[in-house]
Structure formats: C-alpha cells, structure tokens
Amino acid sequence: MSMLFNCGVCCMLLSIWAVVQLVVMGIFFKMEVVAFIEEAEPDHHGYEDFEDFMKQTEQNYSLIAMNCWIGAVIYLFMIGVSYLCIVKARARDKAAAENAQDDDAFCKDLAKSKKS
C-alpha cells in the first residue's frame, strides 16, 4: 500500500468524525442547549435589558449552529477528496502489480538499461 492510500484513509476517518461531531453540535446549538451558553452569550455588555440579552444570545446560538453545519459540509467535501485519493492509490498499486507481472514490460526495462 502506498502513502497516498494511507493518508487518504486517515483523512477520511478524521473527516467522518468531524462531520458527526459538527452535525451533533449544530443540532445542540439549534436547540439552544444551556451547556453551551458560554459560547453563545454576547461578548459585549452593551445590551439594554434582559430581553436584548436573550435576543442576542438566541442569534448567537443560530449563528454558531449554522457555522457548525457549514464546517460539516466542508468536511463532507474532504471525505470526497480522500475517497478519490484512495481510488487513485489503488489504481496505481494495481497498475504497478500488473506491470511487475508483465514480462514484456520487464524486458523493455532491461533493454533500456542495457542501451544506456
């Protein structure tokens, strides 16, 4: 197996885990789970009253959820790229194995080396 295959598998596994984690976190932020309140509360203390604070916090929850889902889509793209790397590595390994088995290709390589 080639390095391209191993890197493709590693990147694919990490991307699958990232998609699962980001989708779940996006769902939790969309549900406005209280455990994530520190990430969603407004950074500034310029809100006028409790209603304004809650409005800004709800907007932040929605924004963070959307960012999680965008990140998950990007990782889905990376799963596709990793899959293409795995397919290319398998094709390259298969071609190398067939070339090693082919006597004509082996003899051509010997003839080239004798001419030089």
N, C-alpha and C. Protein backbone atom coordinates (compact mmCIF):
# COMPACT_ATOMS: atom_id res chain seq x y z
N MET A 1 0.84 -1.18 0.00
CA MET A 1 0.00 0.00 0.00
C MET A 1 0.89 1.24 0.00
N SER A 2 0.40 2.24 -0.66
CA SER A 2 1.19 3.46 -0.81
C SER A 2 0.85 4.47 0.28
N MET A 3 1.68 5.49 0.33
CA MET A 3 1.47 6.56 1.29
C MET A 3 0.18 7.33 0.98
N LEU A 4 -0.13 7.46 -0.31
CA LEU A 4 -1.35 8.14 -0.72
C LEU A 4 -2.59 7.42 -0.18
N PHE A 5 -2.57 6.10 -0.22
CA PHE A 5 -3.68 5.31 0.31
C PHE A 5 -3.82 5.53 1.82
N ASN A 6 -2.69 5.45 2.53
CA ASN A 6 -2.73 5.59 3.99
C ASN A 6 -3.19 6.98 4.41
N CYS A 7 -2.71 8.00 3.72
CA CYS A 7 -3.15 9.37 4.03
C CYS A 7 -4.63 9.56 3.71
N GLY A 8 -5.08 8.96 2.61
CA GLY A 8 -6.49 9.05 2.25
C GLY A 8 -7.39 8.42 3.29
N VAL A 9 -6.99 7.26 3.77
CA VAL A 9 -7.79 6.58 4.80
C VAL A 9 -7.80 7.39 6.09
N CYS A 10 -6.64 7.90 6.49
CA CYS A 10 -6.55 8.69 7.72
C CYS A 10 -7.41 9.95 7.62
N CYS A 11 -7.29 10.67 6.52
CA CYS A 11 -8.08 11.89 6.34
C CYS A 11 -9.57 11.59 6.26
N MET A 12 -9.92 10.46 5.64
CA MET A 12 -11.33 10.10 5.56
C MET A 12 -11.91 9.80 6.94
N LEU A 13 -11.18 9.07 7.75
CA LEU A 13 -11.68 8.75 9.09
C LEU A 13 -11.82 10.00 9.95
N LEU A 14 -10.83 10.87 9.89
CA LEU A 14 -10.91 12.11 10.66
C LEU A 14 -12.05 13.00 10.16
N SER A 15 -12.26 13.02 8.87
CA SER A 15 -13.35 13.83 8.31
C SER A 15 -14.72 13.28 8.69
N ILE A 16 -14.84 11.96 8.70
CA ILE A 16 -16.11 11.36 9.12
C ILE A 16 -16.42 11.73 10.56
N TRP A 17 -15.40 11.64 11.41
CA TRP A 17 -15.60 12.00 12.82
C TRP A 17 -15.97 13.49 12.94
N ALA A 18 -15.32 14.35 12.16
CA ALA A 18 -15.61 15.78 12.21
C ALA A 18 -17.03 16.07 11.77
N VAL A 19 -17.50 15.38 10.72
CA VAL A 19 -18.87 15.59 10.25
C VAL A 19 -19.86 15.20 11.35
N VAL A 20 -19.65 14.06 11.96
CA VAL A 20 -20.56 13.61 13.02
C VAL A 20 -20.57 14.62 14.17
N GLN A 21 -19.38 15.02 14.61
CA GLN A 21 -19.30 15.94 15.74
C GLN A 21 -19.93 17.30 15.41
N LEU A 22 -19.64 17.84 14.24
CA LEU A 22 -20.17 19.15 13.90
C LEU A 22 -21.68 19.13 13.68
N VAL A 23 -22.20 18.07 13.12
CA VAL A 23 -23.66 17.98 12.96
C VAL A 23 -24.34 17.90 14.32
N VAL A 24 -23.80 17.09 15.21
CA VAL A 24 -24.39 16.97 16.55
C VAL A 24 -24.30 18.30 17.30
N MET A 25 -23.14 18.95 17.21
CA MET A 25 -23.02 20.25 17.89
C MET A 25 -23.96 21.28 17.27
N GLY A 26 -24.12 21.25 15.95
CA GLY A 26 -25.06 22.16 15.30
C GLY A 26 -26.48 21.95 15.78
N ILE A 27 -26.85 20.69 15.95
CA ILE A 27 -28.19 20.38 16.47
C ILE A 27 -28.34 20.91 17.89
N PHE A 28 -27.32 20.69 18.72
CA PHE A 28 -27.39 21.18 20.10
C PHE A 28 -27.48 22.71 20.15
N PHE A 29 -26.70 23.38 19.30
CA PHE A 29 -26.79 24.84 19.30
C PHE A 29 -28.14 25.31 18.77
N LYS A 30 -28.70 24.62 17.80
CA LYS A 30 -30.02 24.99 17.28
C LYS A 30 -31.10 24.79 18.36
N MET A 31 -30.91 23.77 19.20
CA MET A 31 -31.85 23.52 20.30
C MET A 31 -31.61 24.45 21.48
N GLU A 32 -30.55 25.26 21.40
CA GLU A 32 -30.16 26.21 22.45
C GLU A 32 -29.94 25.52 23.80
N VAL A 33 -29.07 24.52 23.76
CA VAL A 33 -28.73 23.77 24.97
C VAL A 33 -27.99 24.70 25.93
N VAL A 34 -28.38 24.65 27.19
CA VAL A 34 -27.83 25.55 28.20
C VAL A 34 -26.35 25.27 28.45
N ALA A 35 -25.89 24.06 28.23
CA ALA A 35 -24.49 23.73 28.47
C ALA A 35 -23.55 24.55 27.59
N PHE A 36 -24.02 25.06 26.47
CA PHE A 36 -23.19 25.84 25.56
C PHE A 36 -23.44 27.34 25.69
N ILE A 37 -24.01 27.78 26.80
CA ILE A 37 -24.38 29.19 26.96
C ILE A 37 -23.15 30.09 26.94
N GLU A 38 -22.01 29.61 27.43
CA GLU A 38 -20.81 30.45 27.45
C GLU A 38 -20.31 30.76 26.05
N GLU A 39 -20.52 29.84 25.12
CA GLU A 39 -20.10 30.08 23.73
C GLU A 39 -21.08 30.99 23.01
N ALA A 40 -22.32 31.03 23.46
CA ALA A 40 -23.36 31.76 22.73
C ALA A 40 -23.72 33.11 23.32
N GLU A 41 -23.29 33.40 24.53
CA GLU A 41 -23.69 34.68 25.11
C GLU A 41 -22.94 35.82 24.43
N PRO A 42 -23.56 36.99 24.39
CA PRO A 42 -22.92 38.14 23.73
C PRO A 42 -21.60 38.50 24.41
N ASP A 43 -20.62 38.90 23.59
CA ASP A 43 -19.31 39.23 24.12
C ASP A 43 -19.31 40.58 24.85
N HIS A 44 -20.07 41.49 24.35
CA HIS A 44 -20.08 42.82 24.95
C HIS A 44 -21.21 42.93 25.97
N HIS A 45 -21.09 43.88 26.82
CA HIS A 45 -22.12 44.09 27.84
C HIS A 45 -22.94 45.34 27.51
N GLY A 46 -23.11 45.59 26.20
CA GLY A 46 -23.85 46.77 25.77
C GLY A 46 -25.32 46.51 25.55
N TYR A 47 -25.84 45.40 26.06
CA TYR A 47 -27.27 45.17 25.89
C TYR A 47 -28.05 46.01 26.88
N GLU A 48 -29.24 46.36 26.46
CA GLU A 48 -30.04 47.31 27.23
C GLU A 48 -30.76 46.66 28.41
N ASP A 49 -31.36 45.50 28.16
CA ASP A 49 -32.09 44.83 29.23
C ASP A 49 -32.02 43.32 29.00
N PHE A 50 -32.76 42.60 29.79
CA PHE A 50 -32.73 41.13 29.69
C PHE A 50 -33.26 40.66 28.35
N GLU A 51 -34.26 41.33 27.83
CA GLU A 51 -34.84 40.95 26.53
C GLU A 51 -33.79 41.07 25.42
N ASP A 52 -33.03 42.16 25.44
CA ASP A 52 -31.98 42.36 24.43
C ASP A 52 -30.89 41.29 24.58
N PHE A 53 -30.53 40.98 25.82
CA PHE A 53 -29.54 39.93 26.08
C PHE A 53 -30.01 38.59 25.50
N MET A 54 -31.27 38.25 25.77
CA MET A 54 -31.81 36.97 25.27
C MET A 54 -31.88 36.95 23.75
N LYS A 55 -32.24 38.08 23.14
CA LYS A 55 -32.32 38.16 21.69
C LYS A 55 -30.94 37.94 21.07
N GLN A 56 -29.93 38.61 21.61
CA GLN A 56 -28.57 38.45 21.09
C GLN A 56 -28.03 37.04 21.32
N THR A 57 -28.36 36.45 22.45
CA THR A 57 -27.92 35.09 22.74
C THR A 57 -28.57 34.10 21.78
N GLU A 58 -29.85 34.26 21.50
CA GLU A 58 -30.54 33.38 20.55
C GLU A 58 -29.96 33.54 19.15
N GLN A 59 -29.64 34.76 18.76
CA GLN A 59 -29.00 34.98 17.46
C GLN A 59 -27.64 34.30 17.40
N ASN A 60 -26.89 34.39 18.49
CA ASN A 60 -25.58 33.74 18.53
C ASN A 60 -25.71 32.21 18.46
N TYR A 61 -26.70 31.65 19.13
CA TYR A 61 -26.94 30.21 19.03
C TYR A 61 -27.18 29.81 17.57
N SER A 62 -28.03 30.56 16.89
CA SER A 62 -28.34 30.24 15.49
C SER A 62 -27.12 30.40 14.59
N LEU A 63 -26.34 31.44 14.82
CA LEU A 63 -25.14 31.68 14.03
C LEU A 63 -24.12 30.56 14.22
N ILE A 64 -23.92 30.15 15.45
CA ILE A 64 -22.96 29.08 15.73
C ILE A 64 -23.44 27.77 15.13
N ALA A 65 -24.74 27.49 15.22
CA ALA A 65 -25.28 26.27 14.61
C ALA A 65 -25.04 26.27 13.11
N MET A 66 -25.27 27.39 12.45
CA MET A 66 -25.04 27.49 11.02
C MET A 66 -23.56 27.28 10.70
N ASN A 67 -22.67 27.86 11.50
CA ASN A 67 -21.23 27.68 11.29
C ASN A 67 -20.83 26.21 11.44
N CYS A 68 -21.43 25.51 12.39
CA CYS A 68 -21.14 24.08 12.56
C CYS A 68 -21.56 23.30 11.32
N TRP A 69 -22.72 23.61 10.79
CA TRP A 69 -23.20 22.88 9.61
C TRP A 69 -22.38 23.22 8.37
N ILE A 70 -21.93 24.44 8.25
CA ILE A 70 -21.04 24.80 7.13
C ILE A 70 -19.73 24.03 7.24
N GLY A 71 -19.19 23.94 8.44
CA GLY A 71 -17.98 23.15 8.65
C GLY A 71 -18.19 21.69 8.31
N ALA A 72 -19.36 21.15 8.63
CA ALA A 72 -19.66 19.75 8.30
C ALA A 72 -19.70 19.55 6.79
N VAL A 73 -20.24 20.51 6.06
CA VAL A 73 -20.27 20.41 4.60
C VAL A 73 -18.86 20.44 4.02
N ILE A 74 -18.01 21.28 4.58
CA ILE A 74 -16.62 21.32 4.13
C ILE A 74 -15.93 19.99 4.37
N TYR A 75 -16.18 19.38 5.52
CA TYR A 75 -15.60 18.07 5.81
C TYR A 75 -16.20 16.98 4.91
N LEU A 76 -17.45 17.13 4.50
CA LEU A 76 -18.01 16.18 3.53
C LEU A 76 -17.25 16.26 2.21
N PHE A 77 -16.90 17.47 1.80
CA PHE A 77 -16.08 17.64 0.60
C PHE A 77 -14.73 16.94 0.79
N MET A 78 -14.16 17.05 1.97
CA MET A 78 -12.87 16.41 2.24
C MET A 78 -12.99 14.88 2.23
N ILE A 79 -14.14 14.36 2.61
CA ILE A 79 -14.36 12.91 2.51
C ILE A 79 -14.31 12.50 1.05
N GLY A 80 -14.91 13.29 0.17
CA GLY A 80 -14.86 13.01 -1.26
C GLY A 80 -13.44 13.05 -1.81
N VAL A 81 -12.66 14.05 -1.41
CA VAL A 81 -11.27 14.14 -1.85
C VAL A 81 -10.47 12.95 -1.34
N SER A 82 -10.70 12.56 -0.10
CA SER A 82 -10.00 11.41 0.46
C SER A 82 -10.36 10.13 -0.28
N TYR A 83 -11.62 10.00 -0.64
CA TYR A 83 -12.05 8.82 -1.40
C TYR A 83 -11.36 8.78 -2.75
N LEU A 84 -11.26 9.93 -3.41
CA LEU A 84 -10.56 9.97 -4.69
C LEU A 84 -9.08 9.59 -4.54
N CYS A 85 -8.46 10.01 -3.46
CA CYS A 85 -7.07 9.63 -3.20
C CYS A 85 -6.94 8.12 -3.01
N ILE A 86 -7.89 7.52 -2.30
CA ILE A 86 -7.86 6.08 -2.08
C ILE A 86 -8.03 5.34 -3.40
N VAL A 87 -8.97 5.77 -4.22
CA VAL A 87 -9.20 5.13 -5.52
C VAL A 87 -7.97 5.26 -6.41
N LYS A 88 -7.36 6.45 -6.43
CA LYS A 88 -6.17 6.66 -7.25
C LYS A 88 -5.01 5.80 -6.76
N ALA A 89 -4.84 5.68 -5.46
CA ALA A 89 -3.76 4.86 -4.92
C ALA A 89 -3.97 3.38 -5.25
N ARG A 90 -5.21 2.92 -5.15
CA ARG A 90 -5.49 1.53 -5.50
C ARG A 90 -5.21 1.27 -6.98
N ALA A 91 -5.61 2.20 -7.84
CA ALA A 91 -5.36 2.03 -9.28
C ALA A 91 -3.87 2.04 -9.57
N ARG A 92 -3.14 2.91 -8.91
CA ARG A 92 -1.69 2.98 -9.11
C ARG A 92 -1.02 1.69 -8.62
N ASP A 93 -1.44 1.18 -7.47
CA ASP A 93 -0.88 -0.07 -6.96
C ASP A 93 -1.22 -1.25 -7.87
N LYS A 94 -2.44 -1.26 -8.38
CA LYS A 94 -2.85 -2.34 -9.28
C LYS A 94 -2.05 -2.29 -10.58
N ALA A 95 -1.85 -1.09 -11.12
CA ALA A 95 -1.06 -0.96 -12.35
C ALA A 95 0.38 -1.37 -12.12
N ALA A 96 0.94 -1.03 -10.96
CA ALA A 96 2.31 -1.42 -10.65
C ALA A 96 2.43 -2.93 -10.51
N ALA A 97 1.42 -3.56 -9.90
CA ALA A 97 1.44 -5.02 -9.76
C ALA A 97 1.31 -5.71 -11.11
N GLU A 98 0.44 -5.19 -11.97
CA GLU A 98 0.30 -5.77 -13.31
C GLU A 98 1.57 -5.56 -14.13
N ASN A 99 2.19 -4.42 -13.99
CA ASN A 99 3.43 -4.13 -14.70
C ASN A 99 4.55 -5.05 -14.23
N ALA A 100 4.58 -5.38 -12.96
CA ALA A 100 5.60 -6.28 -12.43
C ALA A 100 5.39 -7.70 -12.94
N GLN A 101 4.14 -8.08 -13.20
CA GLN A 101 3.82 -9.42 -13.69
C GLN A 101 4.03 -9.54 -15.19
N ASP A 102 4.01 -8.42 -15.92
CA ASP A 102 4.09 -8.42 -17.37
C ASP A 102 5.55 -8.59 -17.81
N ASP A 103 5.83 -9.67 -18.53
CA ASP A 103 7.19 -9.95 -18.98
C ASP A 103 7.66 -8.94 -20.02
N ASP A 104 6.76 -8.50 -20.89
CA ASP A 104 7.16 -7.54 -21.92
C ASP A 104 7.62 -6.23 -21.29
N ALA A 105 6.91 -5.75 -20.30
CA ALA A 105 7.31 -4.52 -19.64
C ALA A 105 8.63 -4.70 -18.93
N PHE A 106 8.84 -5.87 -18.34
CA PHE A 106 10.10 -6.15 -17.64
C PHE A 106 11.26 -6.19 -18.64
N CYS A 107 11.03 -6.82 -19.78
CA CYS A 107 12.08 -6.91 -20.80
C CYS A 107 12.39 -5.55 -21.41
N LYS A 108 11.38 -4.71 -21.58
CA LYS A 108 11.61 -3.36 -22.10
C LYS A 108 12.50 -2.57 -21.16
N ASP A 109 12.26 -2.72 -19.85
CA ASP A 109 13.09 -2.03 -18.87
C ASP A 109 14.52 -2.53 -18.93
N LEU A 110 14.72 -3.84 -19.13
CA LEU A 110 16.07 -4.40 -19.24
C LEU A 110 16.76 -3.90 -20.50
N ALA A 111 16.02 -3.85 -21.62
CA ALA A 111 16.60 -3.39 -22.88
C ALA A 111 17.02 -1.92 -22.77
N LYS A 112 16.24 -1.10 -22.10
CA LYS A 112 16.59 0.30 -21.93
C LYS A 112 17.84 0.44 -21.09
N SER A 113 17.94 -0.37 -20.05
CA SER A 113 19.11 -0.26 -19.18
C SER A 113 20.38 -0.77 -19.87
N LYS A 114 20.27 -1.75 -20.76
CA LYS A 114 21.43 -2.25 -21.49
C LYS A 114 21.92 -1.24 -22.52
N LYS A 115 21.01 -0.47 -23.11
CA LYS A 115 21.38 0.51 -24.12
C LYS A 115 22.12 1.69 -23.50
N SER A 116 21.86 1.98 -22.26
CA SER A 116 22.49 3.14 -21.64
C SER A 116 23.88 2.87 -21.15
